[in-house]
Amino acid sequence: MRPTDAELPVGLRELVATVLRPWGDPAAAIDAYEDLTRAAADAQLAAARALDHDAARAIVVLWADLTRDVGAVQVSTLRWVLDV
């Protein structure tokens, strides 16, 4: 569902777009952030596979899941705010 102007604080969409503009188009910046978040989570999972200790492996896998989930919420929120 697309946010209406009444649902967002005045100027929020413009502020976020202005902050992201130095990295190119706001949609491209969000895509790049999503790719980096995915790469970080994948690196954490690769590190977990290299661990011999089950408890340490479980903690690193949980951290990778948290990285993926937080990144997904951030990306989704930005796409909603900017309507991209």
Protein backbone atom coordinates (compact mmCIF):
# COMPACT_ATOMS: atom_id res chain seq x y z
CA MET A 1 0.00 0.00 0.00
CA ARG A 2 1.37 3.41 -0.99
CA PRO A 3 1.73 5.90 1.86
CA THR A 4 -0.31 9.05 1.61
CA ASP A 5 1.07 12.47 2.41
CA ALA A 6 -1.10 12.51 5.53
CA GLU A 7 0.57 9.31 6.82
CA LEU A 8 4.14 10.65 6.55
CA PRO A 9 5.65 13.56 8.47
CA VAL A 10 5.90 16.67 6.32
CA GLY A 11 8.96 16.49 4.06
CA LEU A 12 10.10 13.02 5.13
CA ARG A 13 10.03 11.60 1.62
CA GLU A 14 12.02 14.57 0.30
CA LEU A 15 14.52 14.40 3.18
CA VAL A 16 15.25 10.70 2.66
CA ALA A 17 15.57 11.17 -1.12
CA THR A 18 17.99 14.07 -0.56
CA VAL A 19 20.13 12.04 1.85
CA LEU A 20 20.34 9.12 -0.61
CA ARG A 21 20.96 11.28 -3.70
CA PRO A 22 24.81 11.43 -3.33
CA TRP A 23 24.85 7.69 -4.01
CA GLY A 24 22.82 8.09 -7.18
CA ASP A 25 19.16 7.46 -7.68
CA PRO A 26 17.49 6.64 -4.34
CA ALA A 27 16.21 3.33 -5.74
CA ALA A 28 19.75 2.42 -6.84
CA ALA A 29 21.11 3.32 -3.40
CA ILE A 30 18.51 1.09 -1.74
CA ASP A 31 19.35 -1.75 -4.14
CA ALA A 32 23.06 -1.37 -3.34
CA TYR A 33 22.33 -1.43 0.41
CA GLU A 34 20.22 -4.55 -0.04
CA ASP A 35 23.05 -6.24 -1.96
CA LEU A 36 25.59 -5.31 0.72
CA THR A 37 23.33 -6.59 3.48
CA ARG A 38 22.88 -9.89 1.62
CA ALA A 39 26.67 -10.16 1.11
CA ALA A 40 27.30 -9.54 4.81
CA ALA A 41 24.79 -12.21 5.86
CA ASP A 42 26.27 -14.66 3.34
CA ALA A 43 29.78 -13.98 4.69
CA GLN A 44 28.55 -14.61 8.22
CA LEU A 45 27.01 -17.92 7.13
CA ALA A 46 30.26 -18.91 5.41
CA ALA A 47 32.14 -18.12 8.62
CA ALA A 48 29.66 -20.21 10.58
CA ARG A 49 30.25 -23.20 8.30
CA ALA A 50 33.97 -22.95 9.04
CA LEU A 51 33.46 -23.20 12.81
CA ASP A 52 33.90 -26.55 14.52
CA HIS A 53 32.12 -25.67 17.74
CA ASP A 54 28.32 -26.08 17.50
CA ALA A 55 27.45 -23.33 19.98
CA ALA A 56 29.66 -20.78 18.23
CA ARG A 57 28.25 -21.82 14.86
CA ALA A 58 24.70 -21.36 16.15
CA ILE A 59 25.47 -17.87 17.44
CA VAL A 60 27.02 -16.79 14.13
CA VAL A 61 24.05 -18.22 12.20
CA LEU A 62 21.65 -16.33 14.47
CA TRP A 63 23.66 -13.15 13.90
CA ALA A 64 23.48 -13.71 10.12
CA ASP A 65 19.72 -14.18 10.37
CA LEU A 66 19.44 -10.98 12.40
CA THR A 67 21.54 -9.08 9.84
CA ARG A 68 19.30 -10.34 7.02
CA ASP A 69 16.07 -9.55 8.86
CA VAL A 70 17.08 -6.05 10.02
CA GLY A 71 18.32 -5.23 6.52
CA ALA A 72 15.05 -6.44 5.03
CA VAL A 73 13.03 -4.25 7.38
CA GLN A 74 15.18 -1.22 6.59
CA VAL A 75 14.96 -1.79 2.83
CA SER A 76 11.22 -2.36 2.98
CA THR A 77 10.70 0.78 5.05
CA LEU A 78 12.77 2.91 2.68
CA ARG A 79 10.95 1.54 -0.36
CA TRP A 80 7.63 2.31 1.35
CA VAL A 81 8.64 5.84 2.38
CA LEU A 82 10.07 6.68 -1.05
CA ASP A 83 7.48 4.70 -2.98
CA VAL A 84 10.13 2.99 -5.12
